[in-house]
Structure formats: C-alpha cells, structure tokens
Amino acid sequence: MGRERSAGTASRQGRRFVSIRVRGALVCPGLVGECARGRRGLNRFARGALTALGGAVAAETLRRVVFSGNGQRYEPWERAPYRDFPNRILILGGGFAGYTAAKSLCKMTRRRDDVGVMVISRENFFTFWPMLAGCISSDIDTKNVAQPLRRALIRDGASFRRAEVEGVDLEKQCVTAGGREFPYEHLIVALGAEPAYFGIPGVEDHAISIKGIRAAEEIRNRVIERYEEATLARGDVPDSQLTFVVIGGGATGVEVAAELHGLVHDVLTPDYPNINPHRVKIVLVDSNEMILKELDPALRRTARKKLADLDISVITKVKAREIKADRVILSDGNEIPTQNAIWTAGARASEKLDDLDLPSDERKGLKTDAFMRVEGHENVWGIGDCAATVEKDGTPVPPNAQAATQEGKVVARNVVSAIDGGEPEPFDYKPVGQLVEIGSDFAVNQVMNVKFSGLIASLFWRATYLYKLESPQSRARIAADWILDIFIDSSVTQIRDR
C-alpha cells in the first residue's frame, strides 16, 4: 500500500520569515515561504494569519478579564451559605443556558444579601460545543473545550455542586441530588439534550454519538485504531474498515466530516507512510435536500463544493434505516459498507426530565409559556435544549448555544423580577447568525444579513469563538496551539484503556 509523496511533504528549506503587526504590536510570525509548498503549506500560512487576529482577541480579552477585573469578586467564605438566603434560586444543569443564567443572576444580585444562587450539574465543566469538532483532528486540545464551572461560579458568588439530579418535590420545593436535598424558592431547569435515535435499529450499538468531549476522543481513537489494524495487516483489510460515515448534515455533521479529513490527511499521513490516505473514504449522509439547511442556499452550495474538494462524499434526501456492525443501510435500499458510523442526526431533551413530575410536549421538552415558566408552575422555569421554548408567534426556538445563552439572560431577569414583584418579559429570540468551520482555513458564515466564506470567514470563526470562551487559560492555550501548528506538524496518540 504505497503512496506518492505529495507537495505537502516537501522540504522545509527556503522559508522566509515575516512579522505581522496588529495595532503596532508584534502579534505572531507568519511564514511566507509556506505558500510555495502546495496546499499544505498554504494551509499553514493561513493558520498563521488566523492566529494573528485570534491572538490579538485573546490578549485583549485576557487584559480585560484578568488584569482589569470583572466587577466584584468573592472568596468562598465571603458569601453566606446558599441555605441561609431568603430567596434561593436553584439551577439544574451547567450548560450554556444554566451557566449563563447563573452568571447573569450573580451580576444582577451582586450587591444584594437576600438572593442566593446554586448550580447543580453532573459535570464540573461545560462543553464549549462550537469548538468540539476541532478536538477530533487535535487542532484543539480537549481540555480547552471543557470550561470549568466551579471556580467561575464561586468567584461570582454562586454555589456549585456536582451531582446527579434524582428528583424534584414541587410541593416541598426541594430537589434531591447526590442523595441530598436542596431547597429552592425558584427552580431553573436547564438539563440540556442528548442524542435522539428515532427508533432506528443499531444506532446505539454500532454508532458513535456526539454526546460531548468523550465522543471527540472516541472518534479520534477509532480512526487511529483502524490505521493500526491496517498497518499490522499490511493493508489487507476490507474497505469498510477505512470508511467513515457521518449521519446528519447539520453544522455538527459537516464539521465532524471536515475534521476527520484533517486528521487523516494532515495528522496521520506522516505517521503511517504505508497507508494511502486516499483509500480512506468519508461519507456524509443527510435526509434533507441540502446540507446545512439553516444557512442561505448560496452558502450551502459553497459548503457542498468545499466538501467535494476535500473528497468527502455527500448523500442527501436519504435517511439511515438501520446501522449494522459492518454497514449502514439507507432508506432508499442502498448500503454503505462501513465499520465506523458517527451519529449527529438529532437531539431530544434530557432523559432526566422523565424522572421529574413536570409537563412536557410530544418531543419530551418542558412545556413553557412566553416567559419561560414551566406550564402550571409560577416558580419553575425551563430553558435551553430541554425546554420547548417558542417565540411570540409560536415558532419553536432552535436548540442551539446561541438561543440557550439568550434564554439564560432573559430568565435571570424574569426570576429577579418575580422576586421583586415585577412583571416578567416575554422571550424574543434574536438570531445573530451561524458560523460553520470546514477544515482549518475555511468557513461559511451568515451573520445578520452578511454572508461570507473562505479564509476570511475562518478568521472570523476563530476570533469569535476565542473571544466567547469563558476560560482565559483556554483562550491562551488554544491561541498558543494554533501558533505552534505553524512550525510543528501535529501528532496524536491513542491512549487505550486496559
């Protein structure tokens, strides 16, 4: 199984260094000589350009958050225990919605001594989903996608407990979690979502579902395992072993497929010289007529063309009817031989809601009114992916991080208003747009009414999400990793459980 040496593996000789300055300060070095080294060299130079602005954004954010301060900060002993406050607000879930609600509540009640906030979450971090796919190719380290909850919340004056929610007693106004009871005056349910399988046989048994950080690591390890097996067998393996099928053509599915390509062609190729990377097949399957249905049609076509350039096959207008250990059976009767199926095709409200005595709709989401109060309960609120939130005209709010963040801010204002005897405000979702990265130097973005793609869109993607990361350490580390990628080839290892 030999392979030809590509332009991307050319000698590093002949580089010329140039400095890029932002606002008069040296931000990062670029490598003009890379442009002469083919697509791989151009990608390296592009990442350098992206990092220039990303580094500037990270530096400015670090300056504001770390050195300038972010308002009053608390040490754990400076606030009364949660139980001692007359108005206790308990938040279940530490994702985008729950975390934003907690931060907003702490900010609004910073100078009050009658309101206490506590967050209960099954993990002591929340996953920064927009950057999750980048962990597959090791473009981003998984630890930098896990945003720490405890330190940020405690410093803002909230309490935090890592525990599994076991039940809610609505009459006693008490939540049981981790074997203990937590009282509340107001309860905010933000338990998030999990993959929906729609009763399709074999999905849970034979596909990797994008549930969080561990899924990205599992996908990367699966690819490495297949490469190791193929190397050991001197290439004498079925094509299904080196075929990867991503089911679901939304933003997550497209980004996962692109990162798989990056892992195979940019990261693993130097380590496995006897495996032709073009033997590896990546297939994206979607039930809609076009992938990325939330985007403008022109951007969809651009994304489709970029995937074709990456040699990623796209099959639309079909569903996965069944997933077996060695193939995916499609609704049109065709089969794709594969031992590597990845599921990104849908989500449902957390199964934890099934254990709570709260009203839900046909999709198992919490029924809420225009103010995000759970139906029939004045002091119970539902936000994020676990809630069936609707806009003023009855249109369902999309289950994404953008909407969850907006809901968290509005529910915080409504809870404080309820405590003070005021009137709540209805939720009005204001979509800003959508950013989809397809590889390390290309993106398709729709921001308000502005649509753009390519390198500048990728630069915008990186700068935006660097800024939105909650952890200053993660910002600095991701920016540093992007800089190092200019000079050093990425590499990955598989750490196996024994």
Protein backbone atom coordinates (compact mmCIF):
# COMPACT_ATOMS: atom_id res chain seq x y z
CA MET A 1 0.00 0.00 0.00
CA GLY A 2 2.46 2.64 -1.09
CA ARG A 3 1.63 6.26 -1.58
CA GLU A 4 3.19 9.04 -3.60
CA ARG A 5 4.93 11.90 -1.86
CA SER A 6 2.66 14.94 -2.04
CA ALA A 7 3.55 18.61 -2.33
CA GLY A 8 2.62 18.92 1.32
CA THR A 9 5.60 16.77 2.34
CA ALA A 10 8.16 18.91 0.53
CA SER A 11 11.30 20.10 2.25
CA ARG A 12 11.08 22.88 4.80
CA GLN A 13 14.03 24.67 3.17
CA GLY A 14 13.63 28.11 1.68
CA ARG A 15 11.24 29.61 4.25
CA ARG A 16 11.22 33.38 4.56
CA PHE A 17 10.01 34.91 7.80
CA VAL A 18 7.73 37.91 8.04
CA SER A 19 6.15 39.60 11.04
CA ILE A 20 2.51 40.56 11.26
CA ARG A 21 1.71 43.60 13.38
CA VAL A 22 -1.69 44.43 14.85
CA ARG A 23 -2.18 47.96 16.21
CA GLY A 24 1.59 48.40 16.18
CA ALA A 25 2.38 45.39 18.37
CA LEU A 26 4.07 42.23 17.19
CA VAL A 27 1.41 39.52 17.42
CA CYS A 28 2.73 36.43 15.67
CA PRO A 29 5.14 35.35 12.94
CA GLY A 30 3.92 34.11 9.56
CA LEU A 31 5.73 32.00 7.03
CA VAL A 32 5.58 33.41 3.52
CA GLY A 33 7.73 30.57 2.21
CA GLU A 34 4.95 28.14 3.10
CA CYS A 35 2.88 29.42 0.18
CA ALA A 36 5.30 27.76 -2.22
CA ARG A 37 4.78 24.37 -0.64
CA GLY A 38 1.40 23.50 -2.10
CA ARG A 39 -1.94 23.23 -0.32
CA ARG A 40 -0.47 22.02 2.96
CA GLY A 41 1.98 24.93 3.02
CA LEU A 42 -0.78 27.39 2.19
CA ASN A 43 -2.89 25.95 4.98
CA ARG A 44 -0.04 26.52 7.41
CA PHE A 45 0.30 30.13 6.31
CA ALA A 46 -3.47 30.58 6.53
CA ARG A 47 -3.49 29.28 10.09
CA GLY A 48 -0.76 31.80 10.88
CA ALA A 49 -2.89 34.62 9.54
CA LEU A 50 -5.87 33.37 11.52
CA THR A 51 -3.81 33.18 14.66
CA ALA A 52 -2.68 36.79 14.28
CA LEU A 53 -6.17 38.14 14.87
CA GLY A 54 -7.03 35.32 17.24
CA GLY A 55 -4.02 36.13 19.38
CA ALA A 56 -4.96 39.79 19.45
CA VAL A 57 -8.51 38.97 20.52
CA ALA A 58 -7.25 36.57 23.19
CA ALA A 59 -4.77 39.13 24.51
CA GLU A 60 -7.39 41.86 24.71
CA THR A 61 -9.83 39.53 26.45
CA LEU A 62 -7.16 38.43 28.91
CA ARG A 63 -6.36 42.05 29.64
CA ARG A 64 -9.98 42.92 30.36
CA VAL A 65 -10.88 39.80 32.29
CA VAL A 66 -7.69 39.10 34.22
CA PHE A 67 -5.94 42.40 34.67
CA SER A 68 -8.76 44.94 34.60
CA GLY A 69 -11.08 42.79 36.66
CA ASN A 70 -14.69 41.92 36.02
CA GLY A 71 -16.54 43.61 38.84
CA GLN A 72 -16.65 42.45 42.44
CA ARG A 73 -15.20 39.01 43.09
CA TYR A 74 -15.85 36.76 46.07
CA GLU A 75 -13.83 34.32 48.05
CA PRO A 76 -15.91 31.28 49.13
CA TRP A 77 -16.06 32.42 52.76
CA GLU A 78 -17.31 35.91 51.91
CA ARG A 79 -20.81 34.81 50.98
CA ALA A 80 -23.40 33.28 53.25
CA PRO A 81 -24.24 29.58 52.66
CA TYR A 82 -26.88 29.01 50.00
CA ARG A 83 -29.37 27.68 52.54
CA ASP A 84 -29.30 30.93 54.55
CA PHE A 85 -30.68 33.18 51.81
CA PRO A 86 -34.40 34.04 51.90
CA ASN A 87 -34.64 33.78 48.09
CA ARG A 88 -32.82 30.69 46.85
CA ILE A 89 -32.50 30.14 43.11
CA LEU A 90 -31.53 26.59 42.18
CA ILE A 91 -30.32 25.87 38.65
CA LEU A 92 -30.23 22.30 37.34
CA GLY A 93 -27.65 21.96 34.58
CA GLY A 94 -24.40 23.71 33.80
CA GLY A 95 -24.52 24.03 30.02
CA PHE A 96 -24.79 27.26 28.05
CA ALA A 97 -28.28 28.03 29.38
CA GLY A 98 -27.71 27.16 33.04
CA TYR A 99 -24.26 28.73 33.21
CA THR A 100 -25.43 31.96 31.56
CA ALA A 101 -28.44 32.15 33.89
CA ALA A 102 -26.20 31.73 36.94
CA LYS A 103 -23.69 34.34 35.78
CA SER A 104 -26.46 36.80 34.94
CA LEU A 105 -28.20 36.27 38.29
CA CYS A 106 -24.95 36.80 40.18
CA LYS A 107 -24.30 40.00 38.27
CA MET A 108 -27.82 41.34 38.88
CA THR A 109 -27.87 40.50 42.60
CA ARG A 110 -24.22 41.26 43.34
CA ARG A 111 -24.98 43.89 45.96
CA ARG A 112 -27.99 42.12 47.46
CA ASP A 113 -27.93 39.90 50.53
CA ASP A 114 -31.35 38.32 50.01
CA VAL A 115 -30.69 36.22 46.89
CA GLY A 116 -28.58 33.05 46.74
CA VAL A 117 -27.74 31.08 43.59
CA MET A 118 -26.70 27.44 43.31
CA VAL A 119 -25.93 25.31 40.25
CA ILE A 120 -26.17 21.51 40.28
CA SER A 121 -24.56 19.73 37.33
CA ARG A 122 -23.45 16.17 36.60
CA GLU A 123 -20.05 17.54 35.47
CA ASN A 124 -17.89 20.29 36.91
CA PHE A 125 -17.35 21.75 33.45
CA PHE A 126 -19.49 22.67 30.50
CA THR A 127 -18.62 21.71 26.95
CA PHE A 128 -17.90 24.58 24.57
CA TRP A 129 -19.71 22.90 21.68
CA PRO A 130 -18.63 25.22 18.82
CA MET A 131 -15.02 24.02 19.16
CA LEU A 132 -15.75 20.36 19.92
CA ALA A 133 -15.22 19.06 16.37
CA GLY A 134 -11.73 20.56 16.36
CA CYS A 135 -10.73 18.04 19.04
CA ILE A 136 -11.08 15.20 16.52
CA SER A 137 -8.08 16.35 14.48
CA SER A 138 -6.28 17.60 17.60
CA ASP A 139 -6.47 21.14 16.21
CA ILE A 140 -7.85 21.94 19.68
CA ASP A 141 -6.98 20.11 22.89
CA THR A 142 -10.00 18.55 24.59
CA LYS A 143 -9.13 20.04 27.97
CA ASN A 144 -9.53 23.52 26.49
CA VAL A 145 -13.07 22.75 25.33
CA ALA A 146 -14.04 21.78 28.89
CA GLN A 147 -14.83 25.14 30.51
CA PRO A 148 -14.55 24.95 34.33
CA LEU A 149 -17.72 25.75 36.23
CA ARG A 150 -16.77 25.73 39.88
CA ARG A 151 -14.15 28.47 40.02
CA ALA A 152 -16.04 30.88 37.77
CA LEU A 153 -19.33 30.46 39.64
CA ILE A 154 -17.89 30.60 43.16
CA ARG A 155 -15.94 33.76 42.40
CA ASP A 156 -19.14 35.39 41.18
CA GLY A 157 -20.94 34.47 44.39
CA ALA A 158 -22.83 31.31 43.38
CA SER A 159 -22.60 27.86 44.94
CA PHE A 160 -21.86 24.74 42.90
CA ARG A 161 -22.48 21.04 43.47
CA ARG A 162 -21.53 18.21 41.12
CA ALA A 163 -24.28 15.64 41.45
CA GLU A 164 -26.88 13.66 39.53
CA VAL A 165 -30.39 15.04 39.84
CA GLU A 166 -32.63 12.31 41.24
CA GLY A 167 -35.98 14.01 41.69
CA VAL A 168 -37.96 17.17 42.38
CA ASP A 169 -40.59 17.62 45.09
CA LEU A 170 -42.68 20.50 43.79
CA GLU A 171 -44.76 20.79 46.96
CA LYS A 172 -41.79 20.92 49.33
CA GLN A 173 -39.85 23.00 46.78
CA CYS A 174 -36.88 20.71 47.09
CA VAL A 175 -34.55 18.89 44.67
CA THR A 176 -32.86 15.60 45.52
CA ALA A 177 -29.39 15.21 44.01
CA GLY A 178 -26.48 13.05 45.05
CA GLY A 179 -28.51 11.69 47.97
CA ARG A 180 -29.07 15.14 49.48
CA GLU A 181 -31.91 17.64 49.43
CA PHE A 182 -31.58 21.18 48.11
CA PRO A 183 -34.41 23.66 48.81
CA TYR A 184 -35.38 26.48 46.48
CA GLU A 185 -37.76 29.38 46.05
CA HIS A 186 -37.20 29.44 42.29
CA LEU A 187 -36.09 26.47 40.20
CA ILE A 188 -34.48 26.82 36.76
CA VAL A 189 -34.34 23.56 34.80
CA ALA A 190 -31.57 23.60 32.18
CA LEU A 191 -30.69 19.91 31.85
CA GLY A 192 -29.80 20.10 28.18
CA ALA A 193 -30.28 17.50 25.48
CA GLU A 194 -28.93 14.16 24.35
CA PRO A 195 -28.87 12.33 21.01
CA ALA A 196 -32.20 11.25 19.53
CA TYR A 197 -32.18 7.93 17.69
CA PHE A 198 -35.77 7.95 16.34
CA GLY A 199 -36.09 4.21 16.93
CA ILE A 200 -33.54 3.38 14.22
CA PRO A 201 -32.10 -0.10 14.89
CA GLY A 202 -28.41 -0.36 15.66
CA VAL A 203 -27.61 3.29 16.30
CA GLU A 204 -26.88 2.91 20.00
CA ASP A 205 -24.96 -0.34 19.48
CA HIS A 206 -22.88 0.45 16.42
CA ALA A 207 -22.53 4.23 16.05
CA ILE A 208 -20.55 6.84 17.95
CA SER A 209 -22.94 9.56 19.09
CA ILE A 210 -21.77 13.13 19.58
CA LYS A 211 -22.61 13.48 23.26
CA GLY A 212 -19.67 15.59 24.36
CA ILE A 213 -15.91 15.75 24.74
CA ARG A 214 -15.50 12.00 25.16
CA ALA A 215 -17.16 11.45 21.78
CA ALA A 216 -14.49 13.52 20.03
CA GLU A 217 -11.79 11.47 21.73
CA GLU A 218 -13.59 8.25 20.83
CA ILE A 219 -13.76 9.23 17.15
CA ARG A 220 -10.07 10.12 17.06
CA ASN A 221 -9.13 6.87 18.80
CA ARG A 222 -11.32 4.89 16.41
CA VAL A 223 -9.50 6.32 13.40
CA ILE A 224 -6.10 5.61 14.94
CA GLU A 225 -7.19 2.07 15.82
CA ARG A 226 -8.24 1.44 12.21
CA TYR A 227 -4.88 2.72 10.99
CA GLU A 228 -3.01 0.49 13.42
CA GLU A 229 -5.04 -2.54 12.33
CA ALA A 230 -4.46 -1.77 8.66
CA THR A 231 -0.73 -1.32 9.23
CA LEU A 232 -0.46 -4.60 11.13
CA ALA A 233 -2.31 -6.40 8.32
CA ARG A 234 -0.11 -4.72 5.68
CA GLY A 235 -3.17 -3.12 4.20
CA ASP A 236 -5.08 -6.37 3.78
CA VAL A 237 -8.28 -5.08 5.37
CA PRO A 238 -11.76 -4.56 3.92
CA ASP A 239 -12.65 -1.10 2.64
CA SER A 240 -15.36 -0.91 5.30
CA GLN A 241 -12.63 -0.64 7.92
CA LEU A 242 -11.34 2.59 6.38
CA THR A 243 -14.74 4.09 5.53
CA PHE A 244 -16.27 6.62 7.93
CA VAL A 245 -19.94 7.55 7.61
CA VAL A 246 -21.23 10.68 9.34
CA ILE A 247 -25.02 10.68 9.62
CA GLY A 248 -26.54 14.14 9.86
CA GLY A 249 -25.80 17.13 7.62
CA GLY A 250 -26.20 19.94 10.11
CA ALA A 251 -23.34 22.11 11.34
CA THR A 252 -22.05 19.39 13.67
CA GLY A 253 -22.04 16.70 10.98
CA VAL A 254 -20.30 18.91 8.43
CA GLU A 255 -17.62 20.00 10.91
CA VAL A 256 -17.05 16.42 12.08
CA ALA A 257 -16.60 15.21 8.49
CA ALA A 258 -14.14 18.03 7.75
CA GLU A 259 -12.13 17.34 10.91
CA LEU A 260 -11.97 13.65 10.02
CA HIS A 261 -10.41 14.68 6.72
CA GLY A 262 -7.90 16.86 8.57
CA LEU A 263 -7.00 14.03 10.93
CA VAL A 264 -6.45 11.58 8.07
CA HIS A 265 -4.62 13.80 5.58
CA ASP A 266 -2.78 16.31 7.77
CA VAL A 267 -2.04 14.45 11.00
CA LEU A 268 -1.87 10.70 10.43
CA THR A 269 -0.35 10.58 6.95
CA PRO A 270 3.28 11.20 8.08
CA ASP A 271 2.98 8.52 10.79
CA TYR A 272 1.52 5.82 8.53
CA PRO A 273 3.52 6.03 5.28
CA ASN A 274 2.29 2.64 4.06
CA ILE A 275 -1.38 3.64 4.07
CA ASN A 276 -2.63 5.63 1.12
CA PRO A 277 -4.79 8.39 2.65
CA HIS A 278 -6.95 8.40 -0.48
CA ARG A 279 -8.11 4.89 0.37
CA VAL A 280 -9.89 6.36 3.39
CA LYS A 281 -13.46 7.33 2.50
CA ILE A 282 -15.55 9.87 4.37
CA VAL A 283 -19.28 9.95 3.61
CA LEU A 284 -21.82 12.49 4.89
CA VAL A 285 -25.48 11.39 4.86
CA ASP A 286 -28.39 13.80 5.34
CA SER A 287 -32.15 13.40 5.00
CA ASN A 288 -32.69 16.94 3.71
CA GLU A 289 -32.36 18.11 0.13
CA MET A 290 -29.31 20.19 1.07
CA ILE A 291 -26.87 20.09 3.96
CA LEU A 292 -26.78 22.98 6.47
CA LYS A 293 -30.46 23.75 5.95
CA GLU A 294 -30.27 26.70 8.39
CA LEU A 295 -27.92 28.59 6.07
CA ASP A 296 -28.56 30.64 2.96
CA PRO A 297 -28.75 28.45 -0.19
CA ALA A 298 -25.65 30.09 -1.67
CA LEU A 299 -23.63 29.21 1.43
CA ARG A 300 -24.97 25.65 1.32
CA ARG A 301 -23.67 25.28 -2.22
CA THR A 302 -20.32 26.74 -1.19
CA ALA A 303 -20.07 24.28 1.69
CA ARG A 304 -21.01 21.38 -0.59
CA LYS A 305 -18.30 22.38 -3.07
CA LYS A 306 -15.71 22.63 -0.30
CA LEU A 307 -16.59 19.15 0.94
CA ALA A 308 -16.22 17.86 -2.62
CA ASP A 309 -12.79 19.49 -2.81
CA LEU A 310 -11.88 17.57 0.34
CA ASP A 311 -13.07 14.36 -1.35
CA ILE A 312 -15.91 13.97 1.16
CA SER A 313 -18.92 12.28 -0.43
CA VAL A 314 -22.30 13.83 0.35
CA ILE A 315 -25.53 11.84 0.04
CA THR A 316 -28.77 13.78 0.57
CA LYS A 317 -32.51 13.04 0.62
CA VAL A 318 -32.00 9.67 2.32
CA LYS A 319 -32.14 8.51 5.92
CA ALA A 320 -30.29 5.81 7.76
CA ARG A 321 -32.77 2.96 8.08
CA GLU A 322 -30.51 0.65 10.08
CA ILE A 323 -26.92 0.55 11.28
CA LYS A 324 -25.12 -2.77 11.49
CA ALA A 325 -21.62 -3.58 12.66
CA ASP A 326 -20.30 -3.64 9.09
CA ARG A 327 -22.63 -1.36 7.11
CA VAL A 328 -25.20 1.43 7.10
CA ILE A 329 -28.49 0.62 5.36
CA LEU A 330 -30.16 3.67 3.79
CA SER A 331 -33.86 4.35 3.30
CA ASP A 332 -33.52 4.02 -0.49
CA GLY A 333 -32.23 0.47 -0.11
CA ASN A 334 -28.57 1.24 -0.79
CA GLU A 335 -25.91 0.14 1.66
CA ILE A 336 -22.59 1.71 2.65
CA PRO A 337 -20.03 -0.84 3.86
CA THR A 338 -18.51 0.67 6.98
CA GLN A 339 -17.41 -0.29 10.46
CA ASN A 340 -17.33 3.34 11.54
CA ALA A 341 -20.67 5.14 11.81
CA ILE A 342 -20.94 8.52 13.55
CA TRP A 343 -24.36 9.84 14.58
CA THR A 344 -25.11 13.59 14.57
CA ALA A 345 -28.65 13.46 13.19
CA GLY A 346 -30.81 14.70 16.03
CA ALA A 347 -31.30 15.55 19.67
CA ARG A 348 -34.01 15.28 22.31
CA ALA A 349 -34.49 16.73 25.76
CA SER A 350 -32.53 15.05 28.54
CA GLU A 351 -33.97 11.76 29.75
CA LYS A 352 -33.64 13.16 33.28
CA LEU A 353 -36.87 15.03 32.63
CA ASP A 354 -38.66 11.68 32.59
CA ASP A 355 -37.95 11.40 36.33
CA LEU A 356 -39.36 14.85 37.09
CA ASP A 357 -43.06 15.48 37.51
CA LEU A 358 -43.16 18.33 35.01
CA PRO A 359 -45.30 18.77 31.87
CA SER A 360 -43.64 18.03 28.53
CA ASP A 361 -44.60 18.14 24.86
CA GLU A 362 -44.51 15.34 22.29
CA ARG A 363 -40.74 15.78 21.87
CA LYS A 364 -40.26 15.38 25.64
CA GLY A 365 -39.30 19.05 26.03
CA LEU A 366 -40.59 21.05 29.00
CA LYS A 367 -43.77 22.95 28.22
CA THR A 368 -43.13 26.62 28.93
CA ASP A 369 -45.02 29.87 28.42
CA ALA A 370 -43.77 33.02 26.70
CA PHE A 371 -41.86 33.97 29.87
CA MET A 372 -40.15 30.54 30.09
CA ARG A 373 -42.15 29.48 33.15
CA VAL A 374 -42.98 25.79 33.15
CA GLU A 375 -46.66 25.29 32.49
CA GLY A 376 -48.66 25.32 35.74
CA HIS A 377 -45.79 26.47 37.97
CA GLU A 378 -45.09 30.10 38.81
CA ASN A 379 -41.65 29.48 40.29
CA VAL A 380 -40.29 26.76 37.96
CA TRP A 381 -38.57 27.84 34.75
CA GLY A 382 -37.36 25.85 31.74
CA ILE A 383 -34.55 26.97 29.43
CA GLY A 384 -32.07 25.59 26.94
CA ASP A 385 -32.30 22.42 24.89
CA CYS A 386 -34.51 20.66 27.45
CA ALA A 387 -37.32 23.22 27.06
CA ALA A 388 -39.85 23.53 24.25
CA THR A 389 -39.40 27.29 24.12
CA VAL A 390 -41.43 29.12 21.48
CA GLU A 391 -41.29 32.64 20.13
CA LYS A 392 -44.15 35.13 20.27
CA ASP A 393 -45.60 33.78 17.03
CA GLY A 394 -45.43 30.19 18.27
CA THR A 395 -42.32 29.25 16.26
CA PRO A 396 -40.08 26.81 18.14
CA VAL A 397 -36.76 28.29 19.23
CA PRO A 398 -33.86 26.27 17.74
CA PRO A 399 -31.89 24.15 20.21
CA ASN A 400 -28.51 25.83 19.87
CA ALA A 401 -25.98 27.58 22.09
CA GLN A 402 -26.97 30.99 20.78
CA ALA A 403 -30.59 30.57 21.84
CA ALA A 404 -29.62 28.94 25.15
CA THR A 405 -27.42 31.90 26.04
CA GLN A 406 -30.18 34.38 25.28
CA GLU A 407 -32.67 32.35 27.30
CA GLY A 408 -30.29 32.28 30.27
CA LYS A 409 -30.06 36.06 30.32
CA VAL A 410 -33.80 36.63 30.00
CA VAL A 411 -34.78 34.04 32.61
CA ALA A 412 -32.37 35.67 35.07
CA ARG A 413 -34.15 38.99 34.62
CA ASN A 414 -37.55 37.32 34.94
CA VAL A 415 -36.64 35.48 38.15
CA VAL A 416 -35.32 38.66 39.78
CA SER A 417 -38.44 40.49 38.59
CA ALA A 418 -40.63 37.78 40.16
CA ILE A 419 -38.75 38.08 43.47
CA ASP A 420 -39.24 41.86 43.44
CA GLY A 421 -42.91 41.63 42.49
CA GLY A 422 -42.42 42.94 38.97
CA GLU A 423 -43.65 41.74 35.60
CA PRO A 424 -41.63 39.24 33.55
CA GLU A 425 -40.64 39.91 29.94
CA PRO A 426 -41.51 37.51 27.12
CA PHE A 427 -38.62 35.77 25.41
CA ASP A 428 -37.82 37.14 21.97
CA TYR A 429 -35.17 35.12 20.18
CA LYS A 430 -32.82 37.26 18.12
CA PRO A 431 -30.68 35.02 15.90
CA VAL A 432 -27.35 36.62 15.12
CA GLY A 433 -26.31 34.08 12.52
CA GLN A 434 -24.38 30.86 12.15
CA LEU A 435 -20.70 30.06 11.74
CA VAL A 436 -19.57 26.72 10.31
CA GLU A 437 -15.88 25.85 10.00
CA ILE A 438 -14.95 23.34 7.30
CA GLY A 439 -11.33 22.50 7.99
CA SER A 440 -8.68 24.75 9.49
CA ASP A 441 -8.71 27.51 6.87
CA PHE A 442 -12.26 27.66 5.50
CA ALA A 443 -15.68 28.52 6.91
CA VAL A 444 -19.14 29.54 5.76
CA ASN A 445 -20.67 32.29 7.89
CA GLN A 446 -24.01 34.02 7.96
CA VAL A 447 -24.02 36.97 10.37
CA MET A 448 -27.20 39.05 10.31
CA ASN A 449 -27.67 39.62 6.57
CA VAL A 450 -23.99 39.34 5.74
CA LYS A 451 -22.86 36.11 4.09
CA PHE A 452 -19.21 35.28 3.51
CA SER A 453 -16.97 32.26 3.19
CA GLY A 454 -13.39 31.18 2.77
CA LEU A 455 -10.27 32.22 4.64
CA ILE A 456 -11.68 35.49 5.99
CA ALA A 457 -14.71 33.59 7.29
CA SER A 458 -12.43 31.11 9.04
CA LEU A 459 -10.51 34.01 10.59
CA PHE A 460 -13.82 35.42 11.82
CA TRP A 461 -14.84 32.00 13.19
CA ARG A 462 -11.65 31.63 15.21
CA ALA A 463 -11.63 35.19 16.53
CA THR A 464 -15.31 34.99 17.52
CA TYR A 465 -15.07 31.75 19.45
CA LEU A 466 -11.76 32.60 21.07
CA TYR A 467 -13.49 35.67 22.44
CA LYS A 468 -16.54 33.71 23.59
CA LEU A 469 -14.57 31.11 25.54
CA GLU A 470 -15.18 31.59 29.26
CA SER A 471 -11.78 30.42 30.47
CA PRO A 472 -8.85 32.83 29.93
CA GLN A 473 -6.50 29.86 30.21
CA SER A 474 -8.30 28.09 27.37
CA ARG A 475 -8.08 31.18 25.19
CA ALA A 476 -4.35 31.47 25.73
CA ARG A 477 -3.69 27.75 25.23
CA ILE A 478 -5.74 27.44 22.05
CA ALA A 479 -4.08 30.52 20.55
CA ALA A 480 -0.67 29.09 21.50
CA ASP A 481 -1.54 25.74 19.90
CA TRP A 482 -2.53 27.47 16.67
CA ILE A 483 0.79 29.32 16.66
CA LEU A 484 2.75 26.11 17.26
CA ASP A 485 0.90 24.43 14.39
CA ILE A 486 2.61 26.87 12.03
CA PHE A 487 6.02 25.47 12.89
CA ILE A 488 5.40 21.92 14.08
CA ASP A 489 3.41 19.12 12.47
CA SER A 490 0.54 17.97 14.67
CA SER A 491 0.69 14.44 16.04
CA VAL A 492 -1.69 12.27 18.00
CA THR A 493 -1.50 9.13 20.09
CA GLN A 494 -4.09 6.62 21.19
CA ILE A 495 -4.30 6.06 24.93
CA ARG A 496 -6.16 2.80 25.44
CA ASP A 497 -7.98 1.54 28.50
CA ARG A 498 -6.65 -1.80 29.67
